[in-house]
Amino acid sequence: MTRLTWATRITLLRVLLIIPFVMLMLNINKEQYPQGERDFFRYLATVIFVVMALSDAVDGYLARHKKQVTKLGAFLDPMADKLLMMSALLLLASKTAMVPGFRVPVEVVVIIIGKDMFLLIGFFVTFMFTQQVKVQPVYIGKIATALQLIMVGFVLLAPEFSKAIPYYKLGLEVLWWSVAGMAIVATAIYIRTGSGYIEEVEKDNGAK
């Protein structure tokens, strides 16, 4: 039996923490709870989200610098990231779990999640043509993911930040549309990279 590395354990923990995060978010607008309790649910959900975001950096560090890279970890890590962002965005765009006054536009959510779905389809298309698995993150993709995490955190704490920062909501709107724009750019770059990889493999196979 293969022993789980610490990097993989942290990734699994990130996946499991999505459950309490979703449960807490589903309670932040329920009128059966007083406002104080609803705010507490949101604060606790924010803490869990921050822990999950930081754990991504920690397991990445362990995998790269402590040589704890495994096939299971390589599969689970991006899956955990996608599940986290999908659940957070879908909740923040819904009437049930949105942060009052700061609902994320459905269009932004569709663009960001659509990018991930498109990349997943591209992954399988690339495998069908090349019979090889190649994951090659691009720099702008990493920036887009980081901005998505920051955006979710800012939305979760928007009621408090908006009281202290003038025009906070306007800045938040600029942020989430910028994140959507970067998702589109990242998708275009991934398409170009994937297409180039397929052409390269086909040329190598033709030369043999």
N, C-alpha and C. Protein backbone atom coordinates (compact mmCIF):
# COMPACT_ATOMS: atom_id res chain seq x y z
N MET A 1 0.84 -1.21 0.00
CA MET A 1 0.00 0.00 0.00
C MET A 1 0.87 1.25 0.00
N THR A 2 0.60 2.19 -0.93
CA THR A 2 1.38 3.41 -1.03
C THR A 2 1.05 4.35 0.13
N ARG A 3 2.10 4.85 0.77
CA ARG A 3 1.92 5.76 1.89
C ARG A 3 1.65 7.17 1.38
N LEU A 4 0.66 7.81 1.98
CA LEU A 4 0.31 9.16 1.56
C LEU A 4 1.38 10.15 2.04
N THR A 5 1.80 11.03 1.15
CA THR A 5 2.73 12.08 1.54
C THR A 5 1.96 13.19 2.24
N TRP A 6 2.69 14.07 2.93
CA TRP A 6 2.04 15.19 3.60
C TRP A 6 1.39 16.13 2.61
N ALA A 7 2.01 16.27 1.43
CA ALA A 7 1.42 17.13 0.40
C ALA A 7 0.05 16.60 -0.01
N THR A 8 -0.05 15.29 -0.21
CA THR A 8 -1.32 14.69 -0.61
C THR A 8 -2.34 14.76 0.51
N ARG A 9 -1.89 14.58 1.75
CA ARG A 9 -2.81 14.67 2.90
C ARG A 9 -3.41 16.07 3.00
N ILE A 10 -2.59 17.08 2.79
CA ILE A 10 -3.09 18.46 2.85
C ILE A 10 -4.09 18.71 1.73
N THR A 11 -3.81 18.16 0.56
CA THR A 11 -4.75 18.30 -0.56
C THR A 11 -6.08 17.64 -0.24
N LEU A 12 -6.04 16.45 0.35
CA LEU A 12 -7.27 15.75 0.74
C LEU A 12 -8.04 16.56 1.78
N LEU A 13 -7.32 17.16 2.71
CA LEU A 13 -7.96 18.00 3.73
C LEU A 13 -8.67 19.18 3.07
N ARG A 14 -8.03 19.76 2.04
CA ARG A 14 -8.65 20.88 1.33
C ARG A 14 -9.96 20.45 0.69
N VAL A 15 -9.98 19.26 0.13
CA VAL A 15 -11.21 18.75 -0.48
C VAL A 15 -12.30 18.57 0.57
N LEU A 16 -11.94 18.01 1.71
CA LEU A 16 -12.91 17.75 2.78
C LEU A 16 -13.45 19.04 3.38
N LEU A 17 -12.63 20.08 3.45
CA LEU A 17 -13.06 21.36 4.03
C LEU A 17 -14.10 22.07 3.18
N ILE A 18 -14.24 21.66 1.93
CA ILE A 18 -15.27 22.26 1.07
C ILE A 18 -16.65 22.01 1.65
N ILE A 19 -16.84 20.86 2.29
CA ILE A 19 -18.16 20.50 2.84
C ILE A 19 -18.61 21.50 3.91
N PRO A 20 -17.82 21.72 5.00
CA PRO A 20 -18.28 22.73 5.98
C PRO A 20 -18.36 24.13 5.41
N PHE A 21 -17.50 24.46 4.44
CA PHE A 21 -17.57 25.78 3.81
C PHE A 21 -18.92 25.98 3.13
N VAL A 22 -19.35 25.00 2.36
CA VAL A 22 -20.64 25.09 1.67
C VAL A 22 -21.79 25.16 2.67
N MET A 23 -21.74 24.33 3.72
CA MET A 23 -22.81 24.30 4.72
C MET A 23 -22.94 25.65 5.42
N LEU A 24 -21.81 26.27 5.75
CA LEU A 24 -21.85 27.57 6.40
C LEU A 24 -22.40 28.65 5.47
N MET A 25 -21.97 28.63 4.22
CA MET A 25 -22.42 29.63 3.26
C MET A 25 -23.93 29.53 3.02
N LEU A 26 -24.47 28.33 3.06
CA LEU A 26 -25.90 28.15 2.83
C LEU A 26 -26.75 28.70 3.97
N ASN A 27 -26.11 29.07 5.07
CA ASN A 27 -26.85 29.59 6.23
C ASN A 27 -26.72 31.10 6.41
N ILE A 28 -25.92 31.78 5.57
CA ILE A 28 -25.64 33.20 5.86
C ILE A 28 -26.82 34.11 5.55
N ASN A 29 -27.83 33.60 4.85
CA ASN A 29 -28.99 34.45 4.53
C ASN A 29 -30.30 33.90 5.10
N LYS A 30 -30.21 32.87 5.91
CA LYS A 30 -31.43 32.29 6.46
C LYS A 30 -31.99 33.18 7.57
N GLU A 31 -33.23 33.60 7.39
CA GLU A 31 -33.85 34.53 8.33
C GLU A 31 -34.15 33.90 9.68
N GLN A 32 -34.09 32.57 9.76
CA GLN A 32 -34.35 31.90 11.04
C GLN A 32 -33.24 32.16 12.04
N TYR A 33 -32.10 32.65 11.55
CA TYR A 33 -30.98 33.00 12.44
C TYR A 33 -30.90 34.51 12.59
N PRO A 34 -30.56 35.01 13.77
CA PRO A 34 -30.37 36.45 13.94
C PRO A 34 -29.16 36.91 13.12
N GLN A 35 -29.10 38.22 12.83
CA GLN A 35 -28.04 38.75 11.97
C GLN A 35 -26.65 38.43 12.50
N GLY A 36 -26.50 38.46 13.81
CA GLY A 36 -25.20 38.18 14.40
C GLY A 36 -24.71 36.77 14.08
N GLU A 37 -25.62 35.81 14.15
CA GLU A 37 -25.24 34.44 13.83
C GLU A 37 -24.94 34.28 12.35
N ARG A 38 -25.70 34.96 11.51
CA ARG A 38 -25.45 34.88 10.07
C ARG A 38 -24.08 35.46 9.73
N ASP A 39 -23.73 36.56 10.38
CA ASP A 39 -22.39 37.13 10.18
C ASP A 39 -21.32 36.16 10.67
N PHE A 40 -21.59 35.49 11.77
CA PHE A 40 -20.62 34.52 12.31
C PHE A 40 -20.41 33.38 11.31
N PHE A 41 -21.49 32.90 10.70
CA PHE A 41 -21.36 31.84 9.69
C PHE A 41 -20.47 32.31 8.54
N ARG A 42 -20.66 33.55 8.14
CA ARG A 42 -19.87 34.10 7.02
C ARG A 42 -18.40 34.24 7.42
N TYR A 43 -18.14 34.71 8.64
CA TYR A 43 -16.76 34.86 9.10
C TYR A 43 -16.07 33.49 9.16
N LEU A 44 -16.79 32.51 9.68
CA LEU A 44 -16.21 31.17 9.80
C LEU A 44 -15.96 30.57 8.42
N ALA A 45 -16.90 30.80 7.50
CA ALA A 45 -16.71 30.32 6.13
C ALA A 45 -15.49 30.99 5.50
N THR A 46 -15.29 32.28 5.82
CA THR A 46 -14.13 33.00 5.29
C THR A 46 -12.83 32.41 5.83
N VAL A 47 -12.82 32.08 7.12
CA VAL A 47 -11.61 31.47 7.72
C VAL A 47 -11.29 30.15 7.04
N ILE A 48 -12.32 29.32 6.83
CA ILE A 48 -12.11 28.04 6.17
C ILE A 48 -11.60 28.24 4.76
N PHE A 49 -12.16 29.23 4.06
CA PHE A 49 -11.71 29.51 2.69
C PHE A 49 -10.25 29.93 2.67
N VAL A 50 -9.85 30.78 3.60
CA VAL A 50 -8.45 31.22 3.67
C VAL A 50 -7.53 30.04 3.96
N VAL A 51 -7.96 29.17 4.88
CA VAL A 51 -7.16 27.98 5.19
C VAL A 51 -6.99 27.11 3.95
N MET A 52 -8.08 26.93 3.18
CA MET A 52 -7.99 26.13 1.96
C MET A 52 -7.07 26.78 0.94
N ALA A 53 -7.15 28.10 0.80
CA ALA A 53 -6.30 28.81 -0.15
C ALA A 53 -4.83 28.70 0.24
N LEU A 54 -4.53 28.86 1.53
CA LEU A 54 -3.15 28.75 1.99
C LEU A 54 -2.63 27.33 1.88
N SER A 55 -3.51 26.35 2.09
CA SER A 55 -3.08 24.95 2.01
C SER A 55 -2.63 24.60 0.59
N ASP A 56 -3.19 25.29 -0.40
CA ASP A 56 -2.78 25.06 -1.78
C ASP A 56 -1.31 25.42 -1.96
N ALA A 57 -0.90 26.54 -1.35
CA ALA A 57 0.50 26.95 -1.44
C ALA A 57 1.40 26.00 -0.66
N VAL A 58 0.91 25.54 0.50
CA VAL A 58 1.72 24.65 1.34
C VAL A 58 1.96 23.30 0.67
N ASP A 59 0.89 22.67 0.14
CA ASP A 59 1.09 21.36 -0.48
C ASP A 59 1.91 21.48 -1.76
N GLY A 60 1.79 22.63 -2.45
CA GLY A 60 2.61 22.86 -3.63
C GLY A 60 4.09 22.96 -3.26
N TYR A 61 4.37 23.64 -2.15
CA TYR A 61 5.75 23.77 -1.68
C TYR A 61 6.33 22.40 -1.31
N LEU A 62 5.54 21.63 -0.56
CA LEU A 62 6.01 20.30 -0.15
C LEU A 62 6.26 19.39 -1.34
N ALA A 63 5.35 19.47 -2.32
CA ALA A 63 5.49 18.61 -3.50
C ALA A 63 6.74 18.94 -4.30
N ARG A 64 7.01 20.26 -4.45
CA ARG A 64 8.14 20.66 -5.29
C ARG A 64 9.48 20.61 -4.57
N HIS A 65 9.53 21.16 -3.36
CA HIS A 65 10.81 21.32 -2.67
C HIS A 65 11.16 20.16 -1.75
N LYS A 66 10.16 19.39 -1.34
CA LYS A 66 10.42 18.23 -0.48
C LYS A 66 10.29 16.92 -1.25
N LYS A 67 10.19 17.05 -2.57
CA LYS A 67 10.12 15.89 -3.46
C LYS A 67 9.00 14.92 -3.06
N GLN A 68 7.81 15.49 -2.85
CA GLN A 68 6.65 14.68 -2.48
C GLN A 68 5.62 14.63 -3.61
N VAL A 69 6.10 14.73 -4.83
CA VAL A 69 5.22 14.67 -6.00
C VAL A 69 4.79 13.22 -6.23
N THR A 70 3.47 13.00 -6.31
CA THR A 70 2.92 11.67 -6.59
C THR A 70 1.85 11.79 -7.66
N LYS A 71 1.53 10.67 -8.30
CA LYS A 71 0.49 10.68 -9.32
C LYS A 71 -0.86 11.05 -8.71
N LEU A 72 -1.13 10.53 -7.50
CA LEU A 72 -2.39 10.86 -6.82
C LEU A 72 -2.45 12.34 -6.52
N GLY A 73 -1.37 12.89 -6.01
CA GLY A 73 -1.34 14.31 -5.69
C GLY A 73 -1.48 15.18 -6.92
N ALA A 74 -0.83 14.77 -8.02
CA ALA A 74 -0.92 15.53 -9.26
C ALA A 74 -2.34 15.56 -9.80
N PHE A 75 -3.12 14.51 -9.50
CA PHE A 75 -4.52 14.46 -9.93
C PHE A 75 -5.41 15.24 -8.97
N LEU A 76 -5.19 15.07 -7.66
CA LEU A 76 -6.07 15.66 -6.66
C LEU A 76 -5.90 17.17 -6.53
N ASP A 77 -4.67 17.67 -6.67
CA ASP A 77 -4.42 19.10 -6.43
C ASP A 77 -5.23 20.00 -7.36
N PRO A 78 -5.16 19.83 -8.68
CA PRO A 78 -5.98 20.70 -9.54
C PRO A 78 -7.47 20.45 -9.35
N MET A 79 -7.85 19.20 -9.05
CA MET A 79 -9.27 18.91 -8.81
C MET A 79 -9.77 19.66 -7.59
N ALA A 80 -8.95 19.67 -6.53
CA ALA A 80 -9.33 20.39 -5.31
C ALA A 80 -9.49 21.87 -5.58
N ASP A 81 -8.57 22.44 -6.37
CA ASP A 81 -8.64 23.86 -6.72
C ASP A 81 -9.93 24.18 -7.47
N LYS A 82 -10.26 23.34 -8.44
CA LYS A 82 -11.46 23.58 -9.26
C LYS A 82 -12.72 23.44 -8.42
N LEU A 83 -12.76 22.43 -7.57
CA LEU A 83 -13.94 22.22 -6.71
C LEU A 83 -14.14 23.40 -5.76
N LEU A 84 -13.03 23.90 -5.22
CA LEU A 84 -13.10 25.02 -4.30
C LEU A 84 -13.65 26.26 -4.99
N MET A 85 -13.09 26.61 -6.16
CA MET A 85 -13.52 27.80 -6.85
C MET A 85 -14.94 27.66 -7.39
N MET A 86 -15.28 26.49 -7.92
CA MET A 86 -16.64 26.29 -8.44
C MET A 86 -17.67 26.44 -7.35
N SER A 87 -17.42 25.80 -6.19
CA SER A 87 -18.39 25.88 -5.10
C SER A 87 -18.51 27.30 -4.57
N ALA A 88 -17.37 27.99 -4.41
CA ALA A 88 -17.39 29.35 -3.89
C ALA A 88 -18.12 30.30 -4.84
N LEU A 89 -17.81 30.22 -6.12
CA LEU A 89 -18.43 31.12 -7.10
C LEU A 89 -19.92 30.87 -7.27
N LEU A 90 -20.29 29.60 -7.33
CA LEU A 90 -21.71 29.27 -7.48
C LEU A 90 -22.52 29.75 -6.27
N LEU A 91 -21.93 29.63 -5.08
CA LEU A 91 -22.62 30.09 -3.88
C LEU A 91 -22.75 31.61 -3.87
N LEU A 92 -21.67 32.31 -4.21
CA LEU A 92 -21.68 33.77 -4.16
C LEU A 92 -22.54 34.40 -5.25
N ALA A 93 -22.89 33.61 -6.27
CA ALA A 93 -23.77 34.10 -7.33
C ALA A 93 -25.23 33.72 -7.10
N SER A 94 -25.47 32.89 -6.09
CA SER A 94 -26.84 32.42 -5.83
C SER A 94 -27.55 33.34 -4.86
N LYS A 95 -28.87 33.35 -4.92
CA LYS A 95 -29.66 34.15 -3.99
C LYS A 95 -29.58 33.59 -2.58
N THR A 96 -29.37 32.29 -2.47
CA THR A 96 -29.36 31.63 -1.17
C THR A 96 -28.12 31.97 -0.36
N ALA A 97 -26.96 31.98 -1.02
CA ALA A 97 -25.70 32.11 -0.28
C ALA A 97 -24.88 33.33 -0.66
N MET A 98 -25.47 34.27 -1.39
CA MET A 98 -24.70 35.47 -1.76
C MET A 98 -24.45 36.33 -0.53
N VAL A 99 -23.40 37.13 -0.61
CA VAL A 99 -23.15 38.13 0.43
C VAL A 99 -24.09 39.30 0.14
N PRO A 100 -24.98 39.65 1.06
CA PRO A 100 -25.98 40.70 0.81
C PRO A 100 -25.36 42.00 0.28
N GLY A 101 -25.88 42.41 -0.89
CA GLY A 101 -25.40 43.64 -1.51
C GLY A 101 -24.18 43.47 -2.39
N PHE A 102 -23.63 42.25 -2.44
CA PHE A 102 -22.40 42.02 -3.20
C PHE A 102 -22.48 40.70 -3.96
N ARG A 103 -23.59 40.50 -4.63
CA ARG A 103 -23.77 39.26 -5.39
C ARG A 103 -22.88 39.26 -6.63
N VAL A 104 -22.11 38.19 -6.81
CA VAL A 104 -21.24 38.08 -7.97
C VAL A 104 -22.10 37.83 -9.21
N PRO A 105 -21.88 38.57 -10.30
CA PRO A 105 -22.69 38.38 -11.51
C PRO A 105 -22.58 36.97 -12.06
N VAL A 106 -23.70 36.46 -12.52
CA VAL A 106 -23.72 35.11 -13.08
C VAL A 106 -22.78 35.02 -14.29
N GLU A 107 -22.70 36.10 -15.06
CA GLU A 107 -21.83 36.09 -16.25
C GLU A 107 -20.37 35.84 -15.88
N VAL A 108 -19.93 36.45 -14.77
CA VAL A 108 -18.55 36.25 -14.32
C VAL A 108 -18.32 34.80 -13.94
N VAL A 109 -19.28 34.23 -13.23
CA VAL A 109 -19.17 32.84 -12.81
C VAL A 109 -19.14 31.90 -14.01
N VAL A 110 -20.00 32.16 -14.99
CA VAL A 110 -20.05 31.32 -16.19
C VAL A 110 -18.72 31.36 -16.94
N ILE A 111 -18.12 32.56 -17.04
CA ILE A 111 -16.85 32.69 -17.74
C ILE A 111 -15.74 31.91 -17.03
N ILE A 112 -15.65 32.07 -15.71
CA ILE A 112 -14.57 31.42 -14.96
C ILE A 112 -14.74 29.91 -14.94
N ILE A 113 -15.95 29.43 -14.63
CA ILE A 113 -16.17 27.99 -14.60
C ILE A 113 -16.12 27.41 -16.01
N GLY A 114 -16.61 28.20 -16.98
CA GLY A 114 -16.55 27.75 -18.37
C GLY A 114 -15.12 27.53 -18.82
N LYS A 115 -14.19 28.39 -18.35
CA LYS A 115 -12.78 28.21 -18.68
C LYS A 115 -12.28 26.86 -18.19
N ASP A 116 -12.62 26.53 -16.94
CA ASP A 116 -12.17 25.25 -16.37
C ASP A 116 -12.76 24.07 -17.11
N MET A 117 -14.04 24.17 -17.48
CA MET A 117 -14.67 23.09 -18.22
C MET A 117 -14.05 22.94 -19.61
N PHE A 118 -13.74 24.08 -20.23
CA PHE A 118 -13.12 24.06 -21.55
C PHE A 118 -11.74 23.43 -21.49
N LEU A 119 -10.98 23.75 -20.45
CA LEU A 119 -9.65 23.18 -20.29
C LEU A 119 -9.72 21.68 -20.04
N LEU A 120 -10.74 21.26 -19.31
CA LEU A 120 -10.91 19.82 -19.06
C LEU A 120 -11.19 19.09 -20.37
N ILE A 121 -12.05 19.67 -21.19
CA ILE A 121 -12.33 19.07 -22.50
C ILE A 121 -11.06 19.05 -23.35
N GLY A 122 -10.31 20.15 -23.31
CA GLY A 122 -9.07 20.23 -24.06
C GLY A 122 -8.06 19.19 -23.62
N PHE A 123 -8.06 18.91 -22.32
CA PHE A 123 -7.15 17.89 -21.79
C PHE A 123 -7.45 16.53 -22.42
N PHE A 124 -8.73 16.18 -22.48
CA PHE A 124 -9.11 14.88 -23.05
C PHE A 124 -8.87 14.85 -24.56
N VAL A 125 -9.12 15.97 -25.24
CA VAL A 125 -8.86 16.04 -26.68
C VAL A 125 -7.37 15.84 -26.96
N THR A 126 -6.54 16.51 -26.17
CA THR A 126 -5.08 16.37 -26.33
C THR A 126 -4.65 14.93 -26.10
N PHE A 127 -5.22 14.29 -25.10
CA PHE A 127 -4.88 12.90 -24.81
C PHE A 127 -5.30 11.98 -25.95
N MET A 128 -6.47 12.24 -26.54
CA MET A 128 -6.95 11.42 -27.64
C MET A 128 -6.03 11.51 -28.85
N PHE A 129 -5.48 12.69 -29.11
CA PHE A 129 -4.61 12.88 -30.27
C PHE A 129 -3.19 12.40 -30.01
N THR A 130 -2.71 12.55 -28.79
CA THR A 130 -1.30 12.27 -28.51
C THR A 130 -1.07 11.00 -27.70
N GLN A 131 -2.13 10.52 -27.02
CA GLN A 131 -2.01 9.38 -26.12
C GLN A 131 -0.99 9.66 -25.01
N GLN A 132 -0.85 10.93 -24.68
CA GLN A 132 0.07 11.34 -23.63
C GLN A 132 -0.63 12.35 -22.72
N VAL A 133 -0.19 12.40 -21.48
CA VAL A 133 -0.73 13.36 -20.53
C VAL A 133 0.32 14.42 -20.26
N LYS A 134 -0.02 15.66 -20.54
CA LYS A 134 0.92 16.76 -20.31
C LYS A 134 0.18 17.93 -19.69
N VAL A 135 0.56 18.26 -18.47
CA VAL A 135 -0.03 19.41 -17.79
C VAL A 135 1.03 20.50 -17.74
N GLN A 136 0.79 21.59 -18.44
CA GLN A 136 1.77 22.68 -18.52
C GLN A 136 1.10 24.00 -18.17
N PRO A 137 1.07 24.33 -16.86
CA PRO A 137 0.43 25.57 -16.44
C PRO A 137 1.14 26.78 -17.06
N VAL A 138 0.38 27.78 -17.43
CA VAL A 138 0.97 29.02 -17.95
C VAL A 138 0.93 30.07 -16.85
N TYR A 139 1.83 31.04 -16.96
CA TYR A 139 1.99 32.04 -15.91
C TYR A 139 0.71 32.82 -15.68
N ILE A 140 0.04 33.21 -16.76
CA ILE A 140 -1.18 34.01 -16.62
C ILE A 140 -2.29 33.19 -15.97
N GLY A 141 -2.25 31.87 -16.18
CA GLY A 141 -3.24 31.00 -15.54
C GLY A 141 -3.08 31.01 -14.03
N LYS A 142 -1.81 31.03 -13.58
CA LYS A 142 -1.55 31.09 -12.14
C LYS A 142 -2.01 32.42 -11.56
N ILE A 143 -1.77 33.49 -12.32
CA ILE A 143 -2.21 34.82 -11.86
C ILE A 143 -3.73 34.87 -11.78
N ALA A 144 -4.40 34.31 -12.79
CA ALA A 144 -5.86 34.29 -12.80
C ALA A 144 -6.41 33.54 -11.60
N THR A 145 -5.79 32.40 -11.27
CA THR A 145 -6.25 31.61 -10.12
C THR A 145 -6.05 32.39 -8.83
N ALA A 146 -4.89 33.05 -8.69
CA ALA A 146 -4.62 33.84 -7.49
C ALA A 146 -5.63 34.98 -7.34
N LEU A 147 -5.95 35.66 -8.45
CA LEU A 147 -6.92 36.74 -8.41
C LEU A 147 -8.32 36.24 -8.07
N GLN A 148 -8.64 35.04 -8.54
CA GLN A 148 -9.94 34.45 -8.20
C GLN A 148 -10.06 34.23 -6.70
N LEU A 149 -8.99 33.73 -6.08
CA LEU A 149 -8.98 33.50 -4.64
C LEU A 149 -9.12 34.83 -3.89
N ILE A 150 -8.38 35.84 -4.35
CA ILE A 150 -8.45 37.17 -3.71
C ILE A 150 -9.85 37.75 -3.86
N MET A 151 -10.43 37.60 -5.05
CA MET A 151 -11.76 38.13 -5.31
C MET A 151 -12.79 37.51 -4.37
N VAL A 152 -12.75 36.20 -4.21
CA VAL A 152 -13.70 35.53 -3.31
C VAL A 152 -13.54 36.03 -1.89
N GLY A 153 -12.29 36.15 -1.43
CA GLY A 153 -12.04 36.66 -0.08
C GLY A 153 -12.58 38.06 0.11
N PHE A 154 -12.37 38.93 -0.88
CA PHE A 154 -12.87 40.31 -0.79
C PHE A 154 -14.40 40.37 -0.81
N VAL A 155 -15.03 39.46 -1.54
CA VAL A 155 -16.49 39.43 -1.57
C VAL A 155 -17.03 38.95 -0.22
N LEU A 156 -16.40 37.94 0.35
CA LEU A 156 -16.86 37.40 1.64
C LEU A 156 -16.80 38.45 2.76
N LEU A 157 -15.81 39.33 2.67
CA LEU A 157 -15.66 40.36 3.72
C LEU A 157 -16.11 41.74 3.25
N ALA A 158 -16.83 41.78 2.14
CA ALA A 158 -17.25 43.06 1.55
C ALA A 158 -18.08 43.93 2.49
N PRO A 159 -19.04 43.38 3.27
CA PRO A 159 -19.83 44.26 4.16
C PRO A 159 -18.97 45.05 5.13
N GLU A 160 -17.87 44.46 5.61
CA GLU A 160 -16.99 45.16 6.54
C GLU A 160 -16.05 46.11 5.81
N PHE A 161 -15.44 45.66 4.71
CA PHE A 161 -14.50 46.50 3.97
C PHE A 161 -15.19 47.71 3.36
N SER A 162 -16.44 47.54 2.91
CA SER A 162 -17.14 48.65 2.25
C SER A 162 -17.43 49.80 3.21
N LYS A 163 -17.49 49.51 4.51
CA LYS A 163 -17.72 50.56 5.49
C LYS A 163 -16.46 51.40 5.73
N ALA A 164 -15.31 50.79 5.50
CA ALA A 164 -14.05 51.47 5.78
C ALA A 164 -13.37 52.03 4.54
N ILE A 165 -13.70 51.49 3.36
CA ILE A 165 -13.02 51.88 2.12
C ILE A 165 -14.02 52.52 1.17
N PRO A 166 -13.84 53.80 0.82
CA PRO A 166 -14.75 54.46 -0.13
C PRO A 166 -14.73 53.77 -1.50
N TYR A 167 -15.86 53.72 -2.13
CA TYR A 167 -16.00 53.13 -3.48
C TYR A 167 -15.53 51.66 -3.53
N TYR A 168 -15.66 50.99 -2.41
CA TYR A 168 -15.20 49.59 -2.36
C TYR A 168 -15.97 48.71 -3.34
N LYS A 169 -17.28 48.90 -3.40
CA LYS A 169 -18.08 48.06 -4.28
C LYS A 169 -17.69 48.26 -5.74
N LEU A 170 -17.41 49.52 -6.13
CA LEU A 170 -16.98 49.79 -7.49
C LEU A 170 -15.65 49.08 -7.78
N GLY A 171 -14.73 49.14 -6.83
CA GLY A 171 -13.45 48.46 -7.00
C GLY A 171 -13.62 46.96 -7.10
N LEU A 172 -14.57 46.42 -6.34
CA LEU A 172 -14.84 44.98 -6.37
C LEU A 172 -15.42 44.58 -7.72
N GLU A 173 -16.29 45.41 -8.26
CA GLU A 173 -16.86 45.13 -9.59
C GLU A 173 -15.77 45.13 -10.66
N VAL A 174 -14.85 46.08 -10.57
CA VAL A 174 -13.72 46.12 -11.51
C VAL A 174 -12.89 44.85 -11.37
N LEU A 175 -12.68 44.40 -10.12
CA LEU A 175 -11.88 43.21 -9.87
C LEU A 175 -12.51 41.97 -10.48
N TRP A 176 -13.83 41.76 -10.24
CA TRP A 176 -14.38 40.49 -10.73
C TRP A 176 -14.52 40.46 -12.25
N TRP A 177 -14.70 41.63 -12.89
CA TRP A 177 -14.71 41.63 -14.36
C TRP A 177 -13.30 41.48 -14.92
N SER A 178 -12.31 41.99 -14.19
CA SER A 178 -10.91 41.79 -14.60
C SER A 178 -10.54 40.32 -14.50
N VAL A 179 -11.00 39.67 -13.44
CA VAL A 179 -10.74 38.24 -13.27
C VAL A 179 -11.38 37.45 -14.42
N ALA A 180 -12.59 37.82 -14.79
CA ALA A 180 -13.26 37.15 -15.91
C ALA A 180 -12.49 37.36 -17.20
N GLY A 181 -11.98 38.59 -17.40
CA GLY A 181 -11.20 38.87 -18.60
C GLY A 181 -9.92 38.05 -18.65
N MET A 182 -9.25 37.91 -17.51
CA MET A 182 -8.03 37.12 -17.45
C MET A 182 -8.31 35.65 -17.71
N ALA A 183 -9.48 35.19 -17.28
CA ALA A 183 -9.85 33.79 -17.54
C ALA A 183 -9.98 33.54 -19.03
N ILE A 184 -10.54 34.53 -19.74
CA ILE A 184 -10.67 34.40 -21.20
C ILE A 184 -9.29 34.37 -21.86
N VAL A 185 -8.40 35.28 -21.42
CA VAL A 185 -7.05 35.33 -21.99
C VAL A 185 -6.31 34.02 -21.70
N ALA A 186 -6.42 33.53 -20.47
CA ALA A 186 -5.75 32.28 -20.10
C ALA A 186 -6.25 31.13 -20.95
N THR A 187 -7.56 31.11 -21.22
CA THR A 187 -8.12 30.05 -22.06
C THR A 187 -7.52 30.09 -23.46
N ALA A 188 -7.41 31.29 -24.02
CA ALA A 188 -6.84 31.44 -25.36
C ALA A 188 -5.39 30.95 -25.40
N ILE A 189 -4.63 31.25 -24.35
CA ILE A 189 -3.23 30.82 -24.30
C ILE A 189 -3.14 29.31 -24.16
N TYR A 190 -4.01 28.74 -23.33
CA TYR A 190 -4.02 27.27 -23.18
C TYR A 190 -4.37 26.59 -24.50
N ILE A 191 -5.30 27.18 -25.24
CA ILE A 191 -5.69 26.60 -26.54
C ILE A 191 -4.48 26.62 -27.49
N ARG A 192 -3.79 27.75 -27.54
CA ARG A 192 -2.62 27.85 -28.42
C ARG A 192 -1.53 26.87 -28.00
N THR A 193 -1.30 26.76 -26.68
CA THR A 193 -0.27 25.84 -26.19
C THR A 193 -0.64 24.40 -26.49
N GLY A 194 -1.92 24.04 -26.25
CA GLY A 194 -2.36 22.67 -26.52
C GLY A 194 -2.29 22.32 -28.00
N SER A 195 -2.69 23.27 -28.84
CA SER A 195 -2.66 23.03 -30.29
C SER A 195 -1.23 22.83 -30.77
N GLY A 196 -0.33 23.64 -30.23
CA GLY A 196 1.08 23.50 -30.60
C GLY A 196 1.65 22.17 -30.16
N TYR A 197 1.24 21.71 -28.97
CA TYR A 197 1.72 20.42 -28.47
C TYR A 197 1.23 19.27 -29.34
N ILE A 198 -0.04 19.33 -29.76
CA ILE A 198 -0.60 18.28 -30.62
C ILE A 198 0.15 18.24 -31.95
N GLU A 199 0.39 19.42 -32.54
CA GLU A 199 1.12 19.49 -33.81
C GLU A 199 2.54 18.94 -33.67
N GLU A 200 3.17 19.25 -32.53
CA GLU A 200 4.54 18.77 -32.29
C GLU A 200 4.59 17.26 -32.20
N VAL A 201 3.61 16.67 -31.48
CA VAL A 201 3.58 15.22 -31.35
C VAL A 201 3.29 14.56 -32.69
N GLU A 202 2.36 15.13 -33.48
CA GLU A 202 2.03 14.56 -34.77
C GLU A 202 3.24 14.61 -35.73
N LYS A 203 4.01 15.70 -35.65
CA LYS A 203 5.21 15.78 -36.51
C LYS A 203 6.25 14.73 -36.09
N ASP A 204 6.40 14.53 -34.78
CA ASP A 204 7.35 13.52 -34.29
C ASP A 204 6.93 12.13 -34.71
N ASN A 205 5.62 11.87 -34.65
CA ASN A 205 5.12 10.55 -35.03
C ASN A 205 5.27 10.34 -36.54
N GLY A 206 5.09 11.43 -37.32
CA GLY A 206 5.22 11.33 -38.76
C GLY A 206 6.65 11.11 -39.21
N ALA A 207 7.59 11.60 -38.38
CA ALA A 207 8.99 11.47 -38.72
C ALA A 207 9.55 10.08 -38.41
N LYS A 208 8.82 9.33 -37.61
CA LYS A 208 9.29 7.99 -37.22
C LYS A 208 9.00 6.97 -38.30
